[in-house]
Amino acid sequence: MKKAPLLICLACVLSFSAKLSAAEGQLLAGTAKINITPPSNEVLHDSLYARSLVLDVDGQQIAFVSIDLGIYTSDAVVDACKKQYGLSEVMFCSSHTHSGPQAQNSSYEAFYEKQIIAAVGMAVKNKFPARIAYGRRTFPQLGFNRLIVREDGHARESWFADDHYTTENPERIPHGPVDPEVGVIKIEDMQGQARVVMMNYACHSDIMCFNHEISADYPGVACRRVEEAFGNKVNCLFVQGAGGNVESLQIARRRTGPDDPIKPDYAPMERTGALLAYEVVKLAKQLSATDGQTDMKFRSDSLTFTGRFDKNKSVHVHLTTVVLNNDLVLAACPGELFIQLQLDWKKKMELAAVTPFLLGYTWSRGQWPGYVPDIRSAALGGFGADQDGGMIEVGAGEAIINKQLENYYKLSGLMREKPFQP
């Protein structure tokens, strides 16, 4: 008799190899920026970069690498960085530009590995005594929710026109939900000189999609302008939020191919990046740093899900939760999470009176889960919500967010590990 396949569902989500680390002391930070534009015959509009940030507290080291690629994962690079540099966690934060060469399964893979390992190594080598500041700022939204509910009650993507809506939302109607907030982390040296600015913002990096040229899209513009505003003495890391269903209000015309005689229009990309950079710079210059004594806790964890349509599918999703100074909470999640998940998680974290940043498109181990919609969006449907037969199971997004919430409370010490004895 043929055995039935093993199914793993939300009712029995498994957690594997959870690891917790904690340290307290003087913060050391290191940063580097390296060009990762591959040797290619494609037209180059603007270069791609990997920007790294290493945080070290009492020998416990974690690394963030902001990468101007669509999606980047590599067990080999994680293993090399941990072995060579003594890192506990390495997180790859893909900007999700749609105008770069593919990172995996290409002739560029070895090139990317070499450059990214070098970027991490340079950051480790250049560590300095540091202090940290952070904050959030709300401003008029740059994006809209691209899954628009139609007359039949289901949602369709913004590039699908009907009798009421125009393709690609040229009227710039601010459909929601979106998160109009940007988060900023500033790392200074002990003399007060800013050395790193990390921005966290949720909006798809596809203004220049189908431009058939290499570009870092609006995150590249925003990072360049922030660096220029600080006299090119900082490295600016862009980290996506849960922007899986958020599109830019300004978008360039899609070309039919590389031979399309109409050249790409980069004005919408430049304008969007400039608007974001303005808000980031304004906030960063207002932030006041700590004295350098830093408490850092982090926990790595994972969940395994089945597929929504393919019940034989198994997806192992790795998560990292970082808490700095018992206040700044970074929830690193792989995949293209939908924005409602970010809004719900932030609301729950604000009940804990902490400062939450959701780091979307951020991979450290495990599998890439693809699009991860919230339950309502999975029901409404549309691109990323119900059109892919290989999608992760319904409710996986909420399970990921709940695991991040649970891990925060464990790191904070509030959640007891044994039954309470009054």
Protein backbone atom coordinates (compact mmCIF):
# COMPACT_ATOMS: atom_id res chain seq x y z
CA MET A 1 0.00 0.00 0.00
CA LYS A 2 1.34 3.39 -0.98
CA LYS A 3 2.02 5.65 1.98
CA ALA A 4 0.35 9.04 2.12
CA PRO A 5 2.74 12.02 1.88
CA LEU A 6 3.69 13.75 5.11
CA LEU A 7 1.81 17.05 5.32
CA ILE A 8 2.79 19.90 7.59
CA CYS A 9 0.01 22.38 8.24
CA LEU A 10 -0.50 25.45 10.38
CA ALA A 11 -2.07 23.37 13.12
CA CYS A 12 1.24 21.58 13.53
CA VAL A 13 3.82 24.15 12.45
CA LEU A 14 7.22 22.99 13.63
CA SER A 15 10.00 25.14 14.98
CA PHE A 16 13.56 23.98 14.37
CA SER A 17 16.84 24.74 16.11
CA ALA A 18 15.87 27.99 17.79
CA LYS A 19 19.01 29.76 19.00
CA LEU A 20 19.20 32.72 21.36
CA SER A 21 22.22 34.96 21.99
CA ALA A 22 22.64 37.98 24.24
CA ALA A 23 25.48 40.40 24.91
CA GLU A 24 26.03 43.78 26.54
CA GLY A 25 28.87 46.28 26.30
CA GLN A 26 30.49 48.80 23.99
CA LEU A 27 29.02 48.66 20.50
CA LEU A 28 31.48 48.14 17.67
CA ALA A 29 30.30 48.67 14.12
CA GLY A 30 31.84 48.16 10.72
CA THR A 31 30.65 49.02 7.25
CA ALA A 32 31.69 48.67 3.64
CA LYS A 33 30.34 49.33 0.15
CA ILE A 34 31.38 47.36 -2.90
CA ASN A 35 30.26 47.44 -6.54
CA ILE A 36 28.48 44.22 -7.57
CA THR A 37 27.61 45.22 -11.13
CA PRO A 38 28.57 42.07 -13.06
CA PRO A 39 30.52 42.08 -16.31
CA SER A 40 27.64 42.04 -18.76
CA ASN A 41 26.63 43.01 -22.27
CA GLU A 42 23.48 44.64 -20.90
CA VAL A 43 23.17 48.42 -20.98
CA LEU A 44 24.23 49.93 -17.64
CA HIS A 45 22.25 52.90 -16.36
CA ASP A 46 23.47 52.91 -12.75
CA SER A 47 25.65 50.53 -10.76
CA LEU A 48 24.57 47.87 -8.29
CA TYR A 49 26.12 47.72 -4.81
CA ALA A 50 26.37 45.56 -1.72
CA ARG A 51 26.51 47.65 1.46
CA SER A 52 27.33 45.87 4.69
CA LEU A 53 26.86 46.66 8.37
CA VAL A 54 28.39 44.52 11.12
CA LEU A 55 27.33 45.01 14.74
CA ASP A 56 29.57 43.59 17.48
CA VAL A 57 28.71 43.60 21.17
CA ASP A 58 31.11 41.70 23.45
CA GLY A 59 32.20 39.44 20.59
CA GLN A 60 28.69 38.60 19.41
CA GLN A 61 28.60 39.70 15.76
CA ILE A 62 25.71 39.99 13.31
CA ALA A 63 25.83 41.30 9.75
CA PHE A 64 23.29 42.96 7.48
CA VAL A 65 24.08 43.15 3.77
CA SER A 66 21.87 45.38 1.64
CA ILE A 67 22.10 44.05 -1.91
CA ASP A 68 20.90 45.70 -5.14
CA LEU A 69 19.48 42.50 -6.60
CA GLY A 70 16.01 41.09 -7.08
CA ILE A 71 16.42 38.19 -4.64
CA TYR A 72 19.68 36.95 -3.17
CA THR A 73 20.20 33.75 -1.17
CA SER A 74 23.38 31.73 -0.75
CA ASP A 75 24.19 29.12 1.87
CA ALA A 76 27.78 29.15 0.63
CA VAL A 77 28.20 32.88 1.35
CA VAL A 78 26.59 32.59 4.79
CA ASP A 79 28.85 29.66 5.67
CA ALA A 80 31.96 31.46 4.40
CA CYS A 81 31.18 34.66 6.35
CA LYS A 82 30.47 32.78 9.57
CA LYS A 83 33.61 30.67 9.25
CA GLN A 84 36.00 33.40 8.12
CA TYR A 85 34.76 36.26 10.27
CA GLY A 86 33.21 34.61 13.33
CA LEU A 87 29.71 35.94 12.67
CA SER A 88 26.67 34.55 14.46
CA GLU A 89 24.10 35.77 11.92
CA VAL A 90 24.35 37.03 8.34
CA MET A 91 21.27 38.58 6.76
CA PHE A 92 20.96 39.37 3.05
CA CYS A 93 18.52 42.25 2.48
CA SER A 94 17.56 42.29 -1.20
CA SER A 95 16.31 45.62 -2.52
CA HIS A 96 14.25 43.63 -5.06
CA THR A 97 15.19 45.76 -8.03
CA HIS A 98 13.60 44.40 -11.20
CA SER A 99 16.40 45.84 -13.34
CA GLY A 100 19.34 43.68 -12.36
CA PRO A 101 20.69 40.37 -13.65
CA GLN A 102 19.44 37.27 -11.90
CA ALA A 103 21.54 36.35 -8.87
CA GLN A 104 21.04 32.58 -8.91
CA ASN A 105 21.52 30.07 -11.72
CA SER A 106 23.61 32.43 -13.76
CA SER A 107 27.17 32.94 -14.79
CA TYR A 108 27.36 35.78 -12.26
CA GLU A 109 26.90 33.63 -9.16
CA ALA A 110 30.61 33.25 -8.37
CA PHE A 111 31.13 36.97 -8.94
CA TYR A 112 28.37 37.89 -6.49
CA GLU A 113 29.73 35.46 -3.89
CA LYS A 114 33.21 36.96 -4.10
CA GLN A 115 32.00 40.56 -3.87
CA ILE A 116 29.53 40.02 -1.04
CA ILE A 117 32.02 38.05 1.08
CA ALA A 118 34.50 40.88 0.50
CA ALA A 119 31.93 43.49 1.60
CA VAL A 120 31.33 41.63 4.87
CA GLY A 121 35.05 41.09 5.43
CA MET A 122 35.84 44.77 4.91
CA ALA A 123 33.16 45.72 7.45
CA VAL A 124 34.58 43.32 10.03
CA LYS A 125 38.09 44.64 9.46
CA ASN A 126 37.03 48.28 9.76
CA LYS A 127 35.06 48.07 13.02
CA PHE A 128 35.05 51.14 15.25
CA PRO A 129 33.55 52.07 18.65
CA ALA A 130 30.06 53.23 17.83
CA ARG A 131 26.73 54.40 19.13
CA ILE A 132 23.28 53.98 17.68
CA ALA A 133 20.21 56.14 17.11
CA TYR A 134 16.93 55.24 15.46
CA GLY A 135 13.46 56.54 14.76
CA ARG A 136 10.46 56.52 12.43
CA ARG A 137 8.79 59.16 10.31
CA THR A 138 5.43 59.23 8.51
CA PHE A 139 5.10 61.22 5.29
CA PRO A 140 2.79 61.26 2.23
CA GLN A 141 2.84 57.79 0.69
CA LEU A 142 5.02 57.00 -2.30
CA GLY A 143 3.23 53.75 -3.12
CA PHE A 144 -0.23 52.25 -3.44
CA ASN A 145 -1.67 48.79 -2.94
CA ARG A 146 -1.58 47.28 -6.40
CA LEU A 147 -4.28 44.67 -5.70
CA ILE A 148 -7.50 46.61 -6.24
CA VAL A 149 -10.86 45.13 -5.31
CA ARG A 150 -13.19 44.96 -8.32
CA GLU A 151 -16.96 44.65 -8.88
CA ASP A 152 -17.00 40.88 -8.37
CA GLY A 153 -15.46 41.24 -4.90
CA HIS A 154 -12.08 39.85 -5.93
CA ALA A 155 -8.88 41.88 -6.31
CA ARG A 156 -6.94 42.24 -9.52
CA GLU A 157 -3.47 43.69 -10.04
CA SER A 158 -3.13 47.33 -11.07
CA TRP A 159 -1.90 46.44 -14.57
CA PHE A 160 -5.25 44.74 -15.26
CA ALA A 161 -7.74 47.30 -16.60
CA ASP A 162 -11.53 47.14 -16.49
CA ASP A 163 -14.43 49.53 -17.16
CA HIS A 164 -13.53 51.55 -14.06
CA TYR A 165 -9.76 51.34 -13.49
CA THR A 166 -6.99 52.28 -15.91
CA THR A 167 -3.91 50.11 -16.43
CA GLU A 168 -1.01 50.96 -14.06
CA ASN A 169 -3.02 53.57 -12.10
CA PRO A 170 -1.87 56.66 -14.08
CA GLU A 171 -4.25 58.81 -12.00
CA ARG A 172 -2.09 57.92 -8.97
CA ILE A 173 -5.05 56.95 -6.82
CA PRO A 174 -3.60 56.12 -3.37
CA HIS A 175 -5.23 52.71 -2.95
CA GLY A 176 -4.48 51.08 0.39
CA PRO A 177 -3.48 49.60 2.66
CA VAL A 178 0.12 50.84 2.64
CA ASP A 179 2.58 51.79 5.36
CA PRO A 180 3.54 55.47 4.89
CA GLU A 181 6.29 55.24 7.51
CA VAL A 182 10.05 55.06 6.98
CA GLY A 183 12.35 53.72 9.67
CA VAL A 184 15.92 54.99 10.06
CA ILE A 185 18.88 53.63 12.00
CA LYS A 186 21.96 55.84 12.30
CA ILE A 187 25.36 54.55 13.42
CA GLU A 188 27.86 57.17 14.60
CA ASP A 189 31.45 56.96 15.76
CA MET A 190 32.23 58.23 19.25
CA GLN A 191 33.02 61.68 17.88
CA GLY A 192 29.46 62.03 16.58
CA GLN A 193 30.30 61.49 12.91
CA ALA A 194 27.57 59.55 11.11
CA ARG A 195 29.03 56.46 9.45
CA VAL A 196 25.97 54.37 8.50
CA VAL A 197 22.35 55.14 7.75
CA MET A 198 19.92 52.26 7.30
CA MET A 199 16.47 53.01 5.87
CA ASN A 200 13.52 50.63 6.08
CA TYR A 201 10.65 51.29 3.66
CA ALA A 202 7.98 49.08 2.06
CA CYS A 203 7.48 49.63 -1.67
CA HIS A 204 8.24 47.43 -4.66
CA SER A 205 11.45 48.32 -6.52
CA ASP A 206 10.02 47.97 -10.00
CA ILE A 207 9.55 51.52 -11.27
CA MET A 208 11.91 50.59 -14.11
CA CYS A 209 10.62 47.04 -14.66
CA PHE A 210 11.17 45.89 -18.28
CA ASN A 211 13.57 48.76 -18.92
CA HIS A 212 16.08 46.17 -20.26
CA GLU A 213 18.94 48.03 -18.62
CA ILE A 214 20.78 47.52 -15.33
CA SER A 215 19.62 49.79 -12.52
CA ALA A 216 19.22 49.72 -8.73
CA ASP A 217 15.86 51.48 -9.23
CA TYR A 218 14.61 54.02 -6.66
CA PRO A 219 16.47 52.43 -3.68
CA GLY A 220 19.74 53.12 -5.50
CA VAL A 221 18.77 56.75 -6.01
CA ALA A 222 17.69 57.13 -2.38
CA CYS A 223 20.94 55.61 -1.04
CA ARG A 224 23.08 57.77 -3.31
CA ARG A 225 21.28 60.95 -2.26
CA VAL A 226 21.51 60.12 1.45
CA GLU A 227 25.22 59.45 1.11
CA GLU A 228 25.69 62.75 -0.74
CA ALA A 229 23.76 64.61 1.96
CA PHE A 230 26.32 63.38 4.51
CA GLY A 231 29.28 64.34 2.35
CA ASN A 232 29.75 60.75 1.12
CA LYS A 233 31.06 59.86 4.58
CA VAL A 234 28.30 57.33 5.27
CA ASN A 235 27.15 54.09 3.73
CA CYS A 236 23.38 54.01 3.27
CA LEU A 237 21.68 50.62 3.40
CA PHE A 238 18.19 50.21 1.96
CA VAL A 239 16.11 47.45 3.55
CA GLN A 240 12.70 46.61 2.14
CA GLY A 241 9.65 46.19 4.30
CA ALA A 242 6.65 43.96 3.56
CA GLY A 243 6.20 45.51 0.12
CA GLY A 244 4.94 42.43 -1.69
CA ASN A 245 1.73 44.13 -2.85
CA VAL A 246 2.82 47.79 -2.79
CA GLU A 247 3.61 49.55 -6.08
CA SER A 248 5.15 52.99 -6.64
CA LEU A 249 2.69 55.76 -7.51
CA GLN A 250 5.22 56.96 -10.07
CA ILE A 251 6.16 54.39 -12.67
CA ALA A 252 8.01 54.32 -15.98
CA ARG A 253 6.57 53.08 -19.26
CA ARG A 254 7.27 49.37 -19.77
CA ARG A 255 9.36 48.68 -22.87
CA THR A 256 8.51 45.85 -25.25
CA GLY A 257 12.13 44.70 -25.43
CA PRO A 258 15.75 45.88 -25.62
CA ASP A 259 15.19 47.02 -29.21
CA ASP A 260 12.20 49.20 -28.34
CA PRO A 261 13.11 52.59 -29.91
CA ILE A 262 11.52 54.48 -26.99
CA LYS A 263 14.25 54.80 -24.39
CA PRO A 264 13.59 54.28 -20.67
CA ASP A 265 12.34 57.30 -18.72
CA TYR A 266 14.21 57.40 -15.42
CA ALA A 267 12.49 60.56 -14.14
CA PRO A 268 9.91 58.66 -12.01
CA MET A 269 12.70 56.60 -10.44
CA GLU A 270 14.81 59.66 -9.67
CA ARG A 271 11.86 61.55 -8.20
CA THR A 272 10.71 58.68 -5.97
CA GLY A 273 14.22 58.06 -4.69
CA ALA A 274 14.73 61.76 -4.03
CA LEU A 275 11.48 62.03 -2.07
CA LEU A 276 12.40 59.07 0.10
CA ALA A 277 15.95 60.31 0.65
CA TYR A 278 14.66 63.74 1.75
CA GLU A 279 12.63 62.17 4.54
CA VAL A 280 15.45 59.86 5.57
CA VAL A 281 18.02 62.64 5.76
CA LYS A 282 15.67 64.92 7.68
CA LEU A 283 14.99 62.23 10.26
CA ALA A 284 18.59 60.99 10.48
CA LYS A 285 19.90 64.47 11.28
CA GLN A 286 17.38 64.80 14.11
CA LEU A 287 18.28 61.52 15.81
CA SER A 288 20.36 61.53 19.00
CA ALA A 289 22.61 58.56 19.68
CA THR A 290 23.20 56.57 22.87
CA ASP A 291 26.52 56.60 24.73
CA GLY A 292 27.77 53.44 23.03
CA GLN A 293 26.88 50.94 25.75
CA THR A 294 24.55 48.59 23.97
CA ASP A 295 22.45 45.58 24.88
CA MET A 296 21.96 43.20 21.93
CA LYS A 297 19.84 40.05 21.89
CA PHE A 298 18.94 37.98 18.86
CA ARG A 299 17.13 34.75 18.18
CA SER A 300 17.10 32.59 15.07
CA ASP A 301 14.10 30.37 14.50
CA SER A 302 12.26 28.62 11.70
CA LEU A 303 8.88 27.34 10.63
CA THR A 304 7.86 24.75 8.07
CA PHE A 305 4.73 25.06 5.95
CA THR A 306 2.98 23.10 3.26
CA GLY A 307 1.77 24.60 -0.01
CA ARG A 308 -1.59 26.23 -0.53
CA PHE A 309 -2.45 24.26 -3.64
CA ASP A 310 0.32 21.66 -3.67
CA LYS A 311 -0.09 19.73 -0.42
CA ASN A 312 3.10 17.77 -1.11
CA LYS A 313 5.13 20.97 -0.99
CA SER A 314 7.21 21.79 2.09
CA VAL A 315 8.71 25.22 2.69
CA HIS A 316 11.24 25.81 5.48
CA VAL A 317 11.25 29.52 6.44
CA HIS A 318 14.06 30.88 8.60
CA LEU A 319 13.50 33.98 10.77
CA THR A 320 15.74 36.21 12.86
CA THR A 321 14.66 38.58 15.62
CA VAL A 322 17.08 41.22 16.94
CA VAL A 323 16.49 43.47 19.96
CA LEU A 324 18.84 46.39 20.70
CA ASN A 325 18.78 48.29 23.97
CA ASN A 326 15.51 46.54 24.89
CA ASP A 327 13.68 48.86 22.50
CA LEU A 328 14.67 48.60 18.82
CA VAL A 329 13.16 45.39 17.43
CA LEU A 330 14.20 44.10 13.99
CA ALA A 331 12.12 41.26 12.54
CA ALA A 332 13.96 39.75 9.57
CA CYS A 333 11.65 37.80 7.24
CA PRO A 334 12.38 36.25 3.84
CA GLY A 335 9.91 36.35 0.99
CA GLU A 336 7.55 38.97 -0.36
CA LEU A 337 5.27 39.58 2.61
CA PHE A 338 2.10 41.61 2.06
CA ILE A 339 1.85 44.98 3.75
CA GLN A 340 -1.06 44.11 6.06
CA LEU A 341 1.23 41.68 7.87
CA GLN A 342 3.68 44.51 8.60
CA LEU A 343 0.93 46.84 9.79
CA ASP A 344 -0.52 44.17 12.09
CA TRP A 345 2.88 43.23 13.54
CA LYS A 346 3.84 46.86 14.19
CA LYS A 347 0.56 47.50 15.95
CA LYS A 348 1.16 44.53 18.24
CA MET A 349 4.75 45.59 18.91
CA GLU A 350 3.67 49.12 19.77
CA LEU A 351 1.57 47.62 22.58
CA ALA A 352 4.91 46.51 24.02
CA ALA A 353 6.12 50.15 23.85
CA VAL A 354 9.08 49.33 21.57
CA THR A 355 10.27 50.58 18.17
CA PRO A 356 9.54 47.96 15.48
CA PHE A 357 11.20 47.58 12.06
CA LEU A 358 10.12 44.73 9.78
CA LEU A 359 12.97 43.74 7.47
CA GLY A 360 11.31 42.16 4.44
CA TYR A 361 13.07 40.32 1.60
CA THR A 362 15.70 39.43 4.23
CA TRP A 363 17.14 35.92 4.06
CA SER A 364 19.60 34.17 6.37
CA ARG A 365 18.89 30.45 5.93
CA GLY A 366 16.23 28.08 4.69
CA GLN A 367 14.03 28.45 1.62
CA TRP A 368 12.65 31.51 -0.10
CA PRO A 369 8.85 31.36 0.39
CA GLY A 370 7.89 33.62 -2.53
CA TYR A 371 4.83 35.80 -2.05
CA VAL A 372 3.30 35.61 1.43
CA PRO A 373 -0.17 37.21 1.56
CA ASP A 374 -2.25 37.81 4.66
CA ILE A 375 -5.40 35.68 4.91
CA ARG A 376 -7.79 38.33 3.61
CA SER A 377 -5.57 39.09 0.62
CA ALA A 378 -5.29 35.36 -0.10
CA ALA A 379 -9.10 35.27 -0.27
CA LEU A 380 -9.42 38.40 -2.42
CA GLY A 381 -6.84 37.04 -4.86
CA GLY A 382 -4.73 38.62 -7.56
CA PHE A 383 -1.03 38.55 -8.39
CA GLY A 384 0.95 37.20 -5.45
CA ALA A 385 -2.27 36.21 -3.64
CA ASP A 386 -3.68 33.21 -5.51
CA GLN A 387 -2.24 32.97 -9.03
CA ASP A 388 0.78 30.75 -8.37
CA GLY A 389 0.29 26.99 -7.95
CA GLY A 390 3.47 26.83 -5.85
CA MET A 391 2.33 29.31 -3.20
CA ILE A 392 2.82 28.82 0.52
CA GLU A 393 -0.22 27.80 2.57
CA VAL A 394 -2.90 30.28 3.66
CA GLY A 395 -2.14 31.69 7.11
CA ALA A 396 1.63 31.29 6.79
CA GLY A 397 2.08 35.06 6.91
CA GLU A 398 0.22 35.38 10.19
CA ALA A 399 2.21 32.44 11.58
CA ILE A 400 5.47 34.16 10.63
CA ILE A 401 4.39 37.39 12.29
CA ASN A 402 3.21 35.57 15.41
CA LYS A 403 6.55 33.73 15.66
CA GLN A 404 8.36 37.08 15.44
CA LEU A 405 6.09 38.39 18.21
CA GLU A 406 6.70 35.31 20.35
CA ASN A 407 10.46 35.57 19.88
CA TYR A 408 10.43 39.22 20.93
CA TYR A 409 8.68 38.37 24.19
CA LYS A 410 11.15 35.56 24.81
CA LEU A 411 14.08 37.89 24.16
CA SER A 412 12.58 40.55 26.42
CA GLY A 413 12.40 38.05 29.28
CA LEU A 414 8.71 38.69 29.83
CA MET A 415 7.57 35.30 28.54
CA ARG A 416 8.23 32.68 31.17
CA GLU A 417 9.87 29.46 30.09
CA LYS A 418 8.38 27.43 32.98
CA PRO A 419 4.97 27.42 34.68
CA PHE A 420 4.52 30.38 37.03
CA GLN A 421 4.53 29.49 40.71
CA PRO A 422 2.77 32.25 42.69
